[in-house]
PDB file of N, CA and C in Angstrom:
ATOM      1  N   MET A   1      -8.099  46.391 -16.661  1.00  0.00           N
ATOM      2  CA  MET A   1      -6.847  45.668 -16.826  1.00  0.00           C
ATOM      3  C   MET A   1      -6.333  45.169 -15.475  1.00  0.00           C
ATOM      4  N   GLU A   2      -6.467  46.012 -14.468  1.00  0.00           N
ATOM      5  CA  GLU A   2      -6.004  45.630 -13.141  1.00  0.00           C
ATOM      6  C   GLU A   2      -6.825  44.460 -12.596  1.00  0.00           C
ATOM      7  N   GLU A   3      -8.132  44.454 -12.917  1.00  0.00           N
ATOM      8  CA  GLU A   3      -8.993  43.352 -12.491  1.00  0.00           C
ATOM      9  C   GLU A   3      -8.534  42.036 -13.101  1.00  0.00           C
ATOM     10  N   ILE A   4      -8.179  42.061 -14.352  1.00  0.00           N
ATOM     11  CA  ILE A   4      -7.718  40.859 -15.053  1.00  0.00           C
ATOM     12  C   ILE A   4      -6.427  40.353 -14.422  1.00  0.00           C
ATOM     13  N   ASN A   5      -5.511  41.252 -14.132  1.00  0.00           N
ATOM     14  CA  ASN A   5      -4.254  40.855 -13.495  1.00  0.00           C
ATOM     15  C   ASN A   5      -4.504  40.218 -12.132  1.00  0.00           C
ATOM     16  N   GLU A   6      -5.430  40.796 -11.385  1.00  0.00           N
ATOM     17  CA  GLU A   6      -5.763  40.259 -10.065  1.00  0.00           C
ATOM     18  C   GLU A   6      -6.384  38.866 -10.197  1.00  0.00           C
ATOM     19  N   GLU A   7      -7.265  38.697 -11.177  1.00  0.00           N
ATOM     20  CA  GLU A   7      -7.885  37.389 -11.406  1.00  0.00           C
ATOM     21  C   GLU A   7      -6.835  36.354 -11.815  1.00  0.00           C
ATOM     22  N   GLN A   8      -5.913  36.758 -12.661  1.00  0.00           N
ATOM     23  CA  GLN A   8      -4.855  35.842 -13.094  1.00  0.00           C
ATOM     24  C   GLN A   8      -3.972  35.445 -11.907  1.00  0.00           C
ATOM     25  N   LYS A   9      -3.710  36.404 -11.042  1.00  0.00           N
ATOM     26  CA  LYS A   9      -2.916  36.122  -9.847  1.00  0.00           C
ATOM     27  C   LYS A   9      -3.653  35.125  -8.954  1.00  0.00           C
ATOM     28  N   ASN A  10      -4.952  35.333  -8.775  1.00  0.00           N
ATOM     29  CA  ASN A  10      -5.757  34.417  -7.965  1.00  0.00           C
ATOM     30  C   ASN A  10      -5.777  33.017  -8.575  1.00  0.00           C
ATOM     31  N   ILE A  11      -5.888  32.958  -9.885  1.00  0.00           N
ATOM     32  CA  ILE A  11      -5.897  31.665 -10.579  1.00  0.00           C
ATOM     33  C   ILE A  11      -4.574  30.945 -10.370  1.00  0.00           C
ATOM     34  N   ARG A  12      -3.472  31.660 -10.494  1.00  0.00           N
ATOM     35  CA  ARG A  12      -2.151  31.043 -10.287  1.00  0.00           C
ATOM     36  C   ARG A  12      -2.004  30.527  -8.860  1.00  0.00           C
ATOM     37  N   GLU A  13      -2.502  31.293  -7.894  1.00  0.00           N
ATOM     38  CA  GLU A  13      -2.437  30.860  -6.498  1.00  0.00           C
ATOM     39  C   GLU A  13      -3.257  29.588  -6.288  1.00  0.00           C
ATOM     40  N   LEU A  14      -4.459  29.563  -6.863  1.00  0.00           N
ATOM     41  CA  LEU A  14      -5.307  28.382  -6.741  1.00  0.00           C
ATOM     42  C   LEU A  14      -4.672  27.173  -7.420  1.00  0.00           C
ATOM     43  N   GLN A  15      -4.048  27.392  -8.561  1.00  0.00           N
ATOM     44  CA  GLN A  15      -3.374  26.298  -9.256  1.00  0.00           C
ATOM     45  C   GLN A  15      -2.239  25.737  -8.397  1.00  0.00           C
ATOM     46  N   GLY A  16      -1.510  26.622  -7.747  1.00  0.00           N
ATOM     47  CA  GLY A  16      -0.436  26.176  -6.855  1.00  0.00           C
ATOM     48  C   GLY A  16      -0.978  25.362  -5.696  1.00  0.00           C
ATOM     49  N   GLU A  17      -2.075  25.821  -5.111  1.00  0.00           N
ATOM     50  CA  GLU A  17      -2.693  25.091  -4.009  1.00  0.00           C
ATOM     51  C   GLU A  17      -3.180  23.720  -4.470  1.00  0.00           C
ATOM     52  N   LEU A  18      -3.782  23.677  -5.647  1.00  0.00           N
ATOM     53  CA  LEU A  18      -4.260  22.404  -6.183  1.00  0.00           C
ATOM     54  C   LEU A  18      -3.104  21.449  -6.453  1.00  0.00           C
ATOM     55  N   ARG A  19      -2.007  21.973  -6.975  1.00  0.00           N
ATOM     56  CA  ARG A  19      -0.825  21.145  -7.227  1.00  0.00           C
ATOM     57  C   ARG A  19      -0.327  20.509  -5.930  1.00  0.00           C
ATOM     58  N   GLU A  20      -0.281  21.318  -4.876  1.00  0.00           N
ATOM     59  CA  GLU A  20       0.160  20.809  -3.572  1.00  0.00           C
ATOM     60  C   GLU A  20      -0.782  19.720  -3.061  1.00  0.00           C
ATOM     61  N   LYS A  21      -2.090  19.941  -3.209  1.00  0.00           N
ATOM     62  CA  LYS A  21      -3.060  18.946  -2.754  1.00  0.00           C
ATOM     63  C   LYS A  21      -2.924  17.651  -3.551  1.00  0.00           C
ATOM     64  N   ILE A  22      -2.727  17.770  -4.850  1.00  0.00           N
ATOM     65  CA  ILE A  22      -2.572  16.584  -5.698  1.00  0.00           C
ATOM     66  C   ILE A  22      -1.308  15.822  -5.321  1.00  0.00           C
ATOM     67  N   GLU A  23      -0.224  16.539  -5.063  1.00  0.00           N
ATOM     68  CA  GLU A  23       1.019  15.885  -4.642  1.00  0.00           C
ATOM     69  C   GLU A  23       0.826  15.153  -3.315  1.00  0.00           C
ATOM     70  N   ALA A  24       0.087  15.764  -2.397  1.00  0.00           N
ATOM     71  CA  ALA A  24      -0.176  15.127  -1.103  1.00  0.00           C
ATOM     72  C   ALA A  24      -1.021  13.866  -1.291  1.00  0.00           C
ATOM     73  N   ILE A  25      -1.999  13.936  -2.180  1.00  0.00           N
ATOM     74  CA  ILE A  25      -2.843  12.771  -2.459  1.00  0.00           C
ATOM     75  C   ILE A  25      -2.019  11.667  -3.100  1.00  0.00           C
ATOM     76  N   ASP A  26      -1.153  12.022  -4.039  1.00  0.00           N
ATOM     77  CA  ASP A  26      -0.282  11.030  -4.681  1.00  0.00           C
ATOM     78  C   ASP A  26       0.610  10.339  -3.657  1.00  0.00           C
ATOM     79  N   LEU A  27       1.156  11.105  -2.737  1.00  0.00           N
ATOM     80  CA  LEU A  27       2.013  10.538  -1.693  1.00  0.00           C
ATOM     81  C   LEU A  27       1.219   9.584  -0.803  1.00  0.00           C
ATOM     82  N   GLU A  28       0.020   9.998  -0.429  1.00  0.00           N
ATOM     83  CA  GLU A  28      -0.822   9.147   0.409  1.00  0.00           C
ATOM     84  C   GLU A  28      -1.196   7.856  -0.323  1.00  0.00           C
ATOM     85  N   CYS A  29      -1.481   7.955  -1.615  1.00  0.00           N
ATOM     86  CA  CYS A  29      -1.801   6.761  -2.409  1.00  0.00           C
ATOM     87  C   CYS A  29      -0.624   5.793  -2.427  1.00  0.00           C
ATOM     88  N   GLU A  30       0.566   6.307  -2.605  1.00  0.00           N
ATOM     89  CA  GLU A  30       1.751   5.454  -2.625  1.00  0.00           C
ATOM     90  C   GLU A  30       1.946   4.773  -1.269  1.00  0.00           C
ATOM     91  N   GLN A  31       1.734   5.519  -0.195  1.00  0.00           N
ATOM     92  CA  GLN A  31       1.855   4.935   1.141  1.00  0.00           C
ATOM     93  C   GLN A  31       0.817   3.835   1.351  1.00  0.00           C
ATOM     94  N   LEU A  32      -0.400   4.073   0.866  1.00  0.00           N
ATOM     95  CA  LEU A  32      -1.448   3.062   0.998  1.00  0.00           C
ATOM     96  C   LEU A  32      -1.123   1.822   0.176  1.00  0.00           C
ATOM     97  N   ARG A  33      -0.544   2.011  -1.006  1.00  0.00           N
ATOM     98  CA  ARG A  33      -0.129   0.862  -1.820  1.00  0.00           C
ATOM     99  C   ARG A  33       0.909   0.026  -1.076  1.00  0.00           C
ATOM    100  N   GLU A  34       1.880   0.701  -0.483  1.00  0.00           N
ATOM    101  CA  GLU A  34       2.925  -0.006   0.263  1.00  0.00           C
ATOM    102  C   GLU A  34       2.338  -0.751   1.460  1.00  0.00           C
ATOM    103  N   GLU A  35       1.433  -0.100   2.184  1.00  0.00           N
ATOM    104  CA  GLU A  35       0.799  -0.743   3.333  1.00  0.00           C
ATOM    105  C   GLU A  35      -0.024  -1.947   2.888  1.00  0.00           C
ATOM    106  N   THR A  36      -0.722  -1.810   1.770  1.00  0.00           N
ATOM    107  CA  THR A  36      -1.524  -2.908   1.239  1.00  0.00           C
ATOM    108  C   THR A  36      -0.650  -4.098   0.886  1.00  0.00           C
ATOM    109  N   MET A  37       0.487  -3.836   0.270  1.00  0.00           N
ATOM    110  CA  MET A  37       1.406  -4.922  -0.076  1.00  0.00           C
ATOM    111  C   MET A  37       1.918  -5.618   1.184  1.00  0.00           C
ATOM    112  N   MET A  38       2.209  -4.849   2.212  1.00  0.00           N
ATOM    113  CA  MET A  38       2.680  -5.439   3.468  1.00  0.00           C
ATOM    114  C   MET A  38       1.599  -6.322   4.090  1.00  0.00           C
ATOM    115  N   VAL A  39       0.358  -5.853   4.084  1.00  0.00           N
ATOM    116  CA  VAL A  39      -0.745  -6.626   4.652  1.00  0.00           C
ATOM    117  C   VAL A  39      -0.945  -7.911   3.853  1.00  0.00           C
ATOM    118  N   ARG A  40      -0.861  -7.807   2.523  1.00  0.00           N
ATOM    119  CA  ARG A  40      -0.995  -9.006   1.685  1.00  0.00           C
ATOM    120  C   ARG A  40       0.093 -10.021   2.010  1.00  0.00           C
ATOM    121  N   GLN A  41       1.318  -9.551   2.152  1.00  0.00           N
ATOM    122  CA  GLN A  41       2.429 -10.455   2.454  1.00  0.00           C
ATOM    123  C   GLN A  41       2.242 -11.101   3.822  1.00  0.00           C
ATOM    124  N   GLN A  42       1.827 -10.304   4.791  1.00  0.00           N
ATOM    125  CA  GLN A  42       1.590 -10.849   6.130  1.00  0.00           C
ATOM    126  C   GLN A  42       0.480 -11.894   6.100  1.00  0.00           C
ATOM    127  N   SER A  43      -0.569 -11.622   5.334  1.00  0.00           N
ATOM    128  CA  SER A  43      -1.675 -12.565   5.211  1.00  0.00           C
ATOM    129  C   SER A  43      -1.215 -13.865   4.560  1.00  0.00           C
ATOM    130  N   ALA A  44      -0.411 -13.753   3.513  1.00  0.00           N
ATOM    131  CA  ALA A  44       0.112 -14.947   2.842  1.00  0.00           C
ATOM    132  C   ALA A  44       0.970 -15.761   3.802  1.00  0.00           C
ATOM    133  N   ASN A  45       1.817 -15.091   4.565  1.00  0.00           N
ATOM    134  CA  ASN A  45       2.661 -15.789   5.542  1.00  0.00           C
ATOM    135  C   ASN A  45       1.819 -16.471   6.619  1.00  0.00           C
ATOM    136  N   THR A  46       0.756 -15.806   7.038  1.00  0.00           N
ATOM    137  CA  THR A  46      -0.131 -16.394   8.038  1.00  0.00           C
ATOM    138  C   THR A  46      -0.799 -17.650   7.484  1.00  0.00           C
ATOM    139  N   GLN A  47      -1.225 -17.592   6.229  1.00  0.00           N
ATOM    140  CA  GLN A  47      -1.848 -18.764   5.608  1.00  0.00           C
ATOM    141  C   GLN A  47      -0.863 -19.928   5.526  1.00  0.00           C
ATOM    142  N   ILE A  48       0.381 -19.625   5.214  1.00  0.00           N
ATOM    143  CA  ILE A  48       1.407 -20.677   5.157  1.00  0.00           C
ATOM    144  C   ILE A  48       1.626 -21.266   6.545  1.00  0.00           C
ATOM    145  N   ARG A  49       1.687 -20.409   7.554  1.00  0.00           N
ATOM    146  CA  ARG A  49       1.882 -20.904   8.923  1.00  0.00           C
ATOM    147  C   ARG A  49       0.722 -21.813   9.358  1.00  0.00           C
ATOM    148  N   LEU A  50      -0.488 -21.408   8.985  1.00  0.00           N
ATOM    149  CA  LEU A  50      -1.643 -22.247   9.314  1.00  0.00           C
ATOM    150  C   LEU A  50      -1.566 -23.587   8.591  1.00  0.00           C
ATOM    151  N   ALA A  51      -1.126 -23.571   7.349  1.00  0.00           N
ATOM    152  CA  ALA A  51      -0.972 -24.816   6.588  1.00  0.00           C
ATOM    153  C   ALA A  51       0.104 -25.700   7.215  1.00  0.00           C
ATOM    154  N   ILE A  52       1.168 -25.088   7.727  1.00  0.00           N
ATOM    155  CA  ILE A  52       2.223 -25.849   8.413  1.00  0.00           C
ATOM    156  C   ILE A  52       1.646 -26.541   9.647  1.00  0.00           C
ATOM    157  N   LEU A  53       0.884 -25.791  10.430  1.00  0.00           N
ATOM    158  CA  LEU A  53       0.278 -26.378  11.634  1.00  0.00           C
ATOM    159  C   LEU A  53      -0.660 -27.528  11.277  1.00  0.00           C
ATOM    160  N   LYS A  54      -1.445 -27.338  10.224  1.00  0.00           N
ATOM    161  CA  LYS A  54      -2.369 -28.389   9.798  1.00  0.00           C
ATOM    162  C   LYS A  54      -1.603 -29.620   9.316  1.00  0.00           C
ATOM    163  N   ALA A  55      -0.534 -29.416   8.556  1.00  0.00           N
ATOM    164  CA  ALA A  55       0.277 -30.541   8.071  1.00  0.00           C
ATOM    165  C   ALA A  55       0.895 -31.292   9.246  1.00  0.00           C
ATOM    166  N   ARG A  56       1.382 -30.567  10.225  1.00  0.00           N
ATOM    167  CA  ARG A  56       1.961 -31.228  11.412  1.00  0.00           C
ATOM    168  C   ARG A  56       0.896 -32.010  12.173  1.00  0.00           C
ATOM    169  N   GLN A  57      -0.280 -31.408  12.265  1.00  0.00           N
ATOM    170  CA  GLN A  57      -1.379 -32.068  12.970  1.00  0.00           C
ATOM    171  C   GLN A  57      -1.756 -33.377  12.266  1.00  0.00           C
ATOM    172  N   ASN A  58      -1.649 -33.381  10.949  1.00  0.00           N
ATOM    173  CA  ASN A  58      -1.970 -34.575  10.159  1.00  0.00           C
ATOM    174  C   ASN A  58      -0.759 -35.490   9.975  1.00  0.00           C
ATOM    175  N   HIS A  59       0.314 -35.191  10.674  1.00  0.00           N
ATOM    176  CA  HIS A  59       1.562 -35.971  10.612  1.00  0.00           C
ATOM    177  C   HIS A  59       2.155 -36.006   9.209  1.00  0.00           C
ATOM    178  N   ASP A  60       1.906 -34.956   8.446  1.00  0.00           N
ATOM    179  CA  ASP A  60       2.493 -34.843   7.099  1.00  0.00           C
ATOM    180  C   ASP A  60       3.726 -33.942   7.223  1.00  0.00           C
ATOM    181  N   PHE A  61       4.785 -34.516   7.757  1.00  0.00           N
ATOM    182  CA  PHE A  61       5.976 -33.734   8.073  1.00  0.00           C
ATOM    183  C   PHE A  61       6.737 -33.293   6.824  1.00  0.00           C
ATOM    184  N   ALA A  62       6.604 -34.043   5.745  1.00  0.00           N
ATOM    185  CA  ALA A  62       7.244 -33.631   4.490  1.00  0.00           C
ATOM    186  C   ALA A  62       6.609 -32.333   3.987  1.00  0.00           C
ATOM    187  N   GLN A  63       5.283 -32.286   4.035  1.00  0.00           N
ATOM    188  CA  GLN A  63       4.573 -31.072   3.615  1.00  0.00           C
ATOM    189  C   GLN A  63       4.895 -29.920   4.564  1.00  0.00           C
ATOM    190  N   ALA A  64       4.936 -30.200   5.847  1.00  0.00           N
ATOM    191  CA  ALA A  64       5.263 -29.163   6.833  1.00  0.00           C
ATOM    192  C   ALA A  64       6.657 -28.616   6.579  1.00  0.00           C
ATOM    193  N   SER A  65       7.583 -29.504   6.271  1.00  0.00           N
ATOM    194  CA  SER A  65       8.955 -29.076   5.989  1.00  0.00           C
ATOM    195  C   SER A  65       9.008 -28.220   4.729  1.00  0.00           C
ATOM    196  N   HIS A  66       8.290 -28.663   3.714  1.00  0.00           N
ATOM    197  CA  HIS A  66       8.261 -27.900   2.456  1.00  0.00           C
ATOM    198  C   HIS A  66       7.678 -26.502   2.691  1.00  0.00           C
ATOM    199  N   LEU A  67       6.571 -26.430   3.396  1.00  0.00           N
ATOM    200  CA  LEU A  67       5.941 -25.136   3.665  1.00  0.00           C
ATOM    201  C   LEU A  67       6.843 -24.245   4.507  1.00  0.00           C
ATOM    202  N   THR A  68       7.531 -24.851   5.468  1.00  0.00           N
ATOM    203  CA  THR A  68       8.440 -24.080   6.317  1.00  0.00           C
ATOM    204  C   THR A  68       9.547 -23.449   5.486  1.00  0.00           C
ATOM    205  N   SER A  69      10.010 -24.182   4.495  1.00  0.00           N
ATOM    206  CA  SER A  69      11.097 -23.646   3.661  1.00  0.00           C
ATOM    207  C   SER A  69      10.636 -22.491   2.771  1.00  0.00           C
ATOM    208  N   THR A  70       9.324 -22.370   2.561  1.00  0.00           N
ATOM    209  CA  THR A  70       8.827 -21.272   1.725  1.00  0.00           C
ATOM    210  C   THR A  70       8.744 -19.950   2.475  1.00  0.00           C
ATOM    211  N   LEU A  71       8.795 -20.014   3.788  1.00  0.00           N
ATOM    212  CA  LEU A  71       8.698 -18.759   4.564  1.00  0.00           C
ATOM    213  C   LEU A  71       9.947 -17.927   4.465  1.00  0.00           C
TER     214      LEU A  71
END
């Protein structure tokens, strides 16, 4: 009986440790999602800036103005 109690105690401890690890992984996943969204937004803004430069280079100032307003 004492062996069973000890095993149950060990199982509960392991379950607690696993819960903590899962929570840490969930937190890291959320942080990575946020970082990914930031990188995507920065990339989109960079593409718009490049399009603005290209429009200016081609003397398409209306397009450059429109793109500038989207930033």
